[in-house]
Amino acid sequence: LESARDLVTREIRKEDFQDVDIYKLFESDIKPLVANKPYKLIAKKVDNELDGSIQLHKASFIEAIDNIIRNAEVHAFAKSPKNAKLEFDIDGNDENIIIDYKNNGLPFPENMNEKEFLSFGTKSSDSPGEGLGGAWIGKVIEAHNGSFKIIRDKTPVHFRIILPRKVVK
């Protein structure tokens, strides 16, 4: 994001949402963002029969995922990009699409919670950024009436994003 002003003033309008297949969106619009990067991006359906249809503000969602990817580049893979991979496991039920994001880089800071990660200006002490990426992710999730959770398991970084398939306008 170019500036804090851009972040706080950019509008995510409900009337700009469109029906998309989330899995196809990863294949056609998100994977190409990392085509020449030194890591692997894997997007897979947990259930091959999954209906990936969802109403999204496509541009803001792609930007939020790109922010997750850039955070991995700067933080998780900064010291050891060898064999680095990002995984997006896409699942769902009748009401929601569930995206489990994992990477195998450096662990997510233990002292940072969801609210801090998604807040404007909050960043880790070693971050060269402005603390805007997480705030944009939070804004996109809020605009979609979704939720975000940091999963503390054996995976160094594991987030769960839940987005309703239909957004009330």
C-alpha atoms as a PDB file:
ATOM      1  CA  LEU A   1       0.000   0.000   0.000  1.00  0.00           C
ATOM      2  CA  GLU A   2       1.296   3.396  -0.918  1.00  0.00           C
ATOM      3  CA  SER A   3       0.251   5.251   2.198  1.00  0.00           C
ATOM      4  CA  ALA A   4      -1.712   5.164   5.401  1.00  0.00           C
ATOM      5  CA  ARG A   5      -4.172   7.622   3.848  1.00  0.00           C
ATOM      6  CA  ASP A   6      -4.753   5.203   0.973  1.00  0.00           C
ATOM      7  CA  LEU A   7      -5.449   2.389   3.433  1.00  0.00           C
ATOM      8  CA  VAL A   8      -7.924   4.207   5.627  1.00  0.00           C
ATOM      9  CA  THR A   9      -9.770   5.977   2.824  1.00  0.00           C
ATOM     10  CA  ARG A  10     -10.005   3.222   0.236  1.00  0.00           C
ATOM     11  CA  GLU A  11     -13.542   1.949   0.104  1.00  0.00           C
ATOM     12  CA  ILE A  12     -14.538  -1.672  -0.358  1.00  0.00           C
ATOM     13  CA  ARG A  13     -18.033  -1.247  -1.732  1.00  0.00           C
ATOM     14  CA  LYS A  14     -20.524  -4.100  -1.410  1.00  0.00           C
ATOM     15  CA  GLU A  15     -21.893  -3.314  -4.878  1.00  0.00           C
ATOM     16  CA  ASP A  16     -18.454  -4.147  -6.330  1.00  0.00           C
ATOM     17  CA  PHE A  17     -18.556  -7.723  -5.022  1.00  0.00           C
ATOM     18  CA  GLN A  18     -18.843 -10.445  -7.636  1.00  0.00           C
ATOM     19  CA  ASP A  19     -19.378 -14.178  -7.745  1.00  0.00           C
ATOM     20  CA  VAL A  20     -16.071 -16.012  -8.166  1.00  0.00           C
ATOM     21  CA  ASP A  21     -14.686 -19.489  -7.727  1.00  0.00           C
ATOM     22  CA  ILE A  22     -12.088 -19.013  -4.993  1.00  0.00           C
ATOM     23  CA  TYR A  23      -9.948 -21.925  -6.139  1.00  0.00           C
ATOM     24  CA  LYS A  24      -9.866 -20.682  -9.744  1.00  0.00           C
ATOM     25  CA  LEU A  25      -9.002 -17.206  -8.430  1.00  0.00           C
ATOM     26  CA  PHE A  26      -5.919 -18.623  -6.707  1.00  0.00           C
ATOM     27  CA  GLU A  27      -4.924 -20.432  -9.909  1.00  0.00           C
ATOM     28  CA  SER A  28      -5.514 -17.543 -12.329  1.00  0.00           C
ATOM     29  CA  ASP A  29      -4.743 -14.406 -10.307  1.00  0.00           C
ATOM     30  CA  ILE A  30      -2.723 -15.265  -7.192  1.00  0.00           C
ATOM     31  CA  LYS A  31      -0.271 -17.973  -8.263  1.00  0.00           C
ATOM     32  CA  PRO A  32       1.079 -15.789 -11.105  1.00  0.00           C
ATOM     33  CA  LEU A  33       2.071 -13.166  -8.504  1.00  0.00           C
ATOM     34  CA  VAL A  34       4.806 -15.515  -7.298  1.00  0.00           C
ATOM     35  CA  ALA A  35       5.772 -17.188 -10.568  1.00  0.00           C
ATOM     36  CA  ASN A  36       9.388 -15.983 -10.423  1.00  0.00           C
ATOM     37  CA  LYS A  37       9.860 -16.176  -6.664  1.00  0.00           C
ATOM     38  CA  PRO A  38      12.273 -18.544  -4.882  1.00  0.00           C
ATOM     39  CA  TYR A  39       9.457 -20.326  -3.051  1.00  0.00           C
ATOM     40  CA  LYS A  40       6.502 -22.468  -3.917  1.00  0.00           C
ATOM     41  CA  LEU A  41       2.847 -21.474  -3.566  1.00  0.00           C
ATOM     42  CA  ILE A  42       0.391 -24.331  -3.258  1.00  0.00           C
ATOM     43  CA  ALA A  43      -3.359 -23.757  -3.368  1.00  0.00           C
ATOM     44  CA  LYS A  44      -5.423 -26.877  -2.989  1.00  0.00           C
ATOM     45  CA  LYS A  45      -8.951 -27.931  -2.280  1.00  0.00           C
ATOM     46  CA  VAL A  46      -9.305 -29.963   0.901  1.00  0.00           C
ATOM     47  CA  ASP A  47     -12.295 -31.685  -0.715  1.00  0.00           C
ATOM     48  CA  ASN A  48     -12.118 -32.104  -4.501  1.00  0.00           C
ATOM     49  CA  GLU A  49     -15.907 -31.843  -4.664  1.00  0.00           C
ATOM     50  CA  LEU A  50     -15.818 -28.421  -3.005  1.00  0.00           C
ATOM     51  CA  ASP A  51     -18.013 -25.757  -4.551  1.00  0.00           C
ATOM     52  CA  GLY A  52     -15.659 -22.783  -4.453  1.00  0.00           C
ATOM     53  CA  SER A  53     -18.264 -20.152  -5.249  1.00  0.00           C
ATOM     54  CA  ILE A  54     -18.203 -17.032  -3.111  1.00  0.00           C
ATOM     55  CA  GLN A  55     -19.071 -13.357  -3.391  1.00  0.00           C
ATOM     56  CA  LEU A  56     -15.843 -11.360  -3.186  1.00  0.00           C
ATOM     57  CA  HIS A  57     -14.503  -7.920  -3.705  1.00  0.00           C
ATOM     58  CA  LYS A  58     -11.958  -9.516  -5.989  1.00  0.00           C
ATOM     59  CA  ALA A  59      -9.292  -6.777  -6.143  1.00  0.00           C
ATOM     60  CA  SER A  60      -9.172  -6.203  -2.390  1.00  0.00           C
ATOM     61  CA  PHE A  61      -9.045  -9.951  -1.692  1.00  0.00           C
ATOM     62  CA  ILE A  62      -6.139 -10.442  -4.110  1.00  0.00           C
ATOM     63  CA  GLU A  63      -4.322  -7.535  -2.462  1.00  0.00           C
ATOM     64  CA  ALA A  64      -4.904  -9.027   1.006  1.00  0.00           C
ATOM     65  CA  ILE A  65      -3.471 -12.385  -0.108  1.00  0.00           C
ATOM     66  CA  ASP A  66      -0.557 -10.543  -1.716  1.00  0.00           C
ATOM     67  CA  ASN A  67       0.083  -8.867   1.652  1.00  0.00           C
ATOM     68  CA  ILE A  68       0.174 -12.297   3.310  1.00  0.00           C
ATOM     69  CA  ILE A  69       2.684 -13.408   0.669  1.00  0.00           C
ATOM     70  CA  ARG A  70       4.842 -10.286   1.145  1.00  0.00           C
ATOM     71  CA  ASN A  71       4.806 -10.800   4.921  1.00  0.00           C
ATOM     72  CA  ALA A  72       6.172 -14.300   4.333  1.00  0.00           C
ATOM     73  CA  GLU A  73       8.904 -12.918   2.065  1.00  0.00           C
ATOM     74  CA  VAL A  74       9.984 -10.265   4.551  1.00  0.00           C
ATOM     75  CA  HIS A  75       9.562 -12.171   7.809  1.00  0.00           C
ATOM     76  CA  ALA A  76       9.163 -15.921   7.472  1.00  0.00           C
ATOM     77  CA  PHE A  77      11.616 -16.491   4.625  1.00  0.00           C
ATOM     78  CA  ALA A  78      14.057 -13.649   5.305  1.00  0.00           C
ATOM     79  CA  LYS A  79      16.806 -15.824   6.737  1.00  0.00           C
ATOM     80  CA  SER A  80      16.220 -19.120   4.970  1.00  0.00           C
ATOM     81  CA  PRO A  81      14.223 -19.075   1.743  1.00  0.00           C
ATOM     82  CA  LYS A  82      15.518 -22.530   0.754  1.00  0.00           C
ATOM     83  CA  ASN A  83      12.643 -25.021   0.327  1.00  0.00           C
ATOM     84  CA  ALA A  84      10.205 -22.282   1.346  1.00  0.00           C
ATOM     85  CA  LYS A  85       6.556 -22.853   0.626  1.00  0.00           C
ATOM     86  CA  LEU A  86       3.226 -21.162   1.158  1.00  0.00           C
ATOM     87  CA  GLU A  87       0.128 -23.345   1.381  1.00  0.00           C
ATOM     88  CA  PHE A  88      -3.479 -22.267   1.029  1.00  0.00           C
ATOM     89  CA  ASP A  89      -5.859 -25.119   1.865  1.00  0.00           C
ATOM     90  CA  ILE A  90      -9.324 -24.185   0.634  1.00  0.00           C
ATOM     91  CA  ASP A  91     -12.332 -25.812   2.244  1.00  0.00           C
ATOM     92  CA  GLY A  92     -15.890 -24.852   2.956  1.00  0.00           C
ATOM     93  CA  ASN A  93     -19.391 -25.695   3.957  1.00  0.00           C
ATOM     94  CA  ASP A  94     -22.805 -24.416   2.866  1.00  0.00           C
ATOM     95  CA  GLU A  95     -22.290 -21.011   4.488  1.00  0.00           C
ATOM     96  CA  ASN A  96     -18.534 -20.332   4.379  1.00  0.00           C
ATOM     97  CA  ILE A  97     -15.270 -20.692   2.531  1.00  0.00           C
ATOM     98  CA  ILE A  98     -12.421 -21.605   4.890  1.00  0.00           C
ATOM     99  CA  ILE A  99      -8.829 -20.834   3.940  1.00  0.00           C
ATOM    100  CA  ASP A 100      -6.057 -22.317   6.042  1.00  0.00           C
ATOM    101  CA  TYR A 101      -2.810 -20.552   5.234  1.00  0.00           C
ATOM    102  CA  LYS A 102       0.518 -22.045   6.334  1.00  0.00           C
ATOM    103  CA  ASN A 103       4.151 -21.416   5.621  1.00  0.00           C
ATOM    104  CA  ASN A 104       7.278 -23.246   6.683  1.00  0.00           C
ATOM    105  CA  GLY A 105       9.427 -20.217   7.470  1.00  0.00           C
ATOM    106  CA  LEU A 106      10.311 -18.565  10.749  1.00  0.00           C
ATOM    107  CA  PRO A 107       7.573 -18.778  13.401  1.00  0.00           C
ATOM    108  CA  PHE A 108       4.932 -16.108  13.787  1.00  0.00           C
ATOM    109  CA  PRO A 109       5.753 -13.915  16.816  1.00  0.00           C
ATOM    110  CA  GLU A 110       4.376 -15.514  19.977  1.00  0.00           C
ATOM    111  CA  ASN A 111       3.524 -12.139  21.486  1.00  0.00           C
ATOM    112  CA  MET A 112       1.350 -10.962  18.564  1.00  0.00           C
ATOM    113  CA  ASN A 113      -2.364 -11.748  18.556  1.00  0.00           C
ATOM    114  CA  GLU A 114      -5.045 -11.391  15.868  1.00  0.00           C
ATOM    115  CA  LYS A 115      -6.103  -7.902  16.911  1.00  0.00           C
ATOM    116  CA  GLU A 116      -2.524  -6.625  16.853  1.00  0.00           C
ATOM    117  CA  PHE A 117      -1.734  -8.269  13.502  1.00  0.00           C
ATOM    118  CA  LEU A 118      -4.827  -6.748  11.881  1.00  0.00           C
ATOM    119  CA  SER A 119      -4.351  -3.284  13.427  1.00  0.00           C
ATOM    120  CA  PHE A 120      -2.965  -0.276  11.618  1.00  0.00           C
ATOM    121  CA  GLY A 121       0.643   0.494  12.527  1.00  0.00           C
ATOM    122  CA  THR A 122       1.315  -2.695  14.488  1.00  0.00           C
ATOM    123  CA  LYS A 123       4.398  -4.564  13.354  1.00  0.00           C
ATOM    124  CA  SER A 124       7.132  -6.728  14.755  1.00  0.00           C
ATOM    125  CA  SER A 125      10.262  -5.008  16.011  1.00  0.00           C
ATOM    126  CA  ASP A 126      12.344  -6.292  13.094  1.00  0.00           C
ATOM    127  CA  SER A 127       9.845  -5.268  10.408  1.00  0.00           C
ATOM    128  CA  PRO A 128      10.971  -2.749   7.795  1.00  0.00           C
ATOM    129  CA  GLY A 129       7.321  -2.038   6.902  1.00  0.00           C
ATOM    130  CA  GLU A 130       4.777   0.429   8.182  1.00  0.00           C
ATOM    131  CA  GLY A 131       2.302  -2.023   9.715  1.00  0.00           C
ATOM    132  CA  LEU A 132      -0.146  -1.560   6.837  1.00  0.00           C
ATOM    133  CA  GLY A 133      -0.281  -5.079   5.374  1.00  0.00           C
ATOM    134  CA  GLY A 134      -2.031  -6.693   8.315  1.00  0.00           C
ATOM    135  CA  ALA A 135      -4.386  -3.727   8.613  1.00  0.00           C
ATOM    136  CA  TRP A 136      -5.406  -4.139   4.970  1.00  0.00           C
ATOM    137  CA  ILE A 137      -5.998  -7.860   5.522  1.00  0.00           C
ATOM    138  CA  GLY A 138      -8.200  -6.945   8.499  1.00  0.00           C
ATOM    139  CA  LYS A 139     -10.125  -4.368   6.473  1.00  0.00           C
ATOM    140  CA  VAL A 140     -10.800  -6.893   3.700  1.00  0.00           C
ATOM    141  CA  ILE A 141     -11.939  -9.585   6.149  1.00  0.00           C
ATOM    142  CA  GLU A 142     -14.224  -7.088   7.881  1.00  0.00           C
ATOM    143  CA  ALA A 143     -15.709  -5.919   4.554  1.00  0.00           C
ATOM    144  CA  HIS A 144     -16.541  -9.552   3.769  1.00  0.00           C
ATOM    145  CA  ASN A 145     -18.019 -10.151   7.263  1.00  0.00           C
ATOM    146  CA  GLY A 146     -15.363 -12.807   7.794  1.00  0.00           C
ATOM    147  CA  SER A 147     -13.054 -13.844  10.589  1.00  0.00           C
ATOM    148  CA  PHE A 148      -9.308 -14.327  11.053  1.00  0.00           C
ATOM    149  CA  LYS A 149      -7.566 -16.579  13.540  1.00  0.00           C
ATOM    150  CA  ILE A 150      -3.937 -17.323  14.273  1.00  0.00           C
ATOM    151  CA  ILE A 151      -3.599 -21.067  14.805  1.00  0.00           C
ATOM    152  CA  ARG A 152      -0.848 -21.959  17.269  1.00  0.00           C
ATOM    153  CA  ASP A 153       0.227 -25.456  16.292  1.00  0.00           C
ATOM    154  CA  LYS A 154       3.445 -27.108  15.118  1.00  0.00           C
ATOM    155  CA  THR A 155       3.343 -25.133  11.858  1.00  0.00           C
ATOM    156  CA  PRO A 156       5.556 -22.006  12.059  1.00  0.00           C
ATOM    157  CA  VAL A 157       2.807 -19.785  10.593  1.00  0.00           C
ATOM    158  CA  HIS A 158      -0.832 -20.857  10.381  1.00  0.00           C
ATOM    159  CA  PHE A 159      -3.792 -18.519   9.852  1.00  0.00           C
ATOM    160  CA  ARG A 160      -7.434 -19.383   9.252  1.00  0.00           C
ATOM    161  CA  ILE A 161      -9.634 -17.045   7.271  1.00  0.00           C
ATOM    162  CA  ILE A 162     -13.368 -17.748   7.174  1.00  0.00           C
ATOM    163  CA  LEU A 163     -15.474 -15.835   4.664  1.00  0.00           C
ATOM    164  CA  PRO A 164     -19.223 -16.147   4.198  1.00  0.00           C
ATOM    165  CA  ARG A 165     -20.154 -17.282   0.707  1.00  0.00           C
ATOM    166  CA  LYS A 166     -22.791 -14.563   0.419  1.00  0.00           C
ATOM    167  CA  VAL A 167     -22.319 -11.015   1.617  1.00  0.00           C
ATOM    168  CA  VAL A 168     -25.406  -9.064   2.605  1.00  0.00           C
ATOM    169  CA  LYS A 169     -25.405  -5.783   0.704  1.00  0.00           C
END
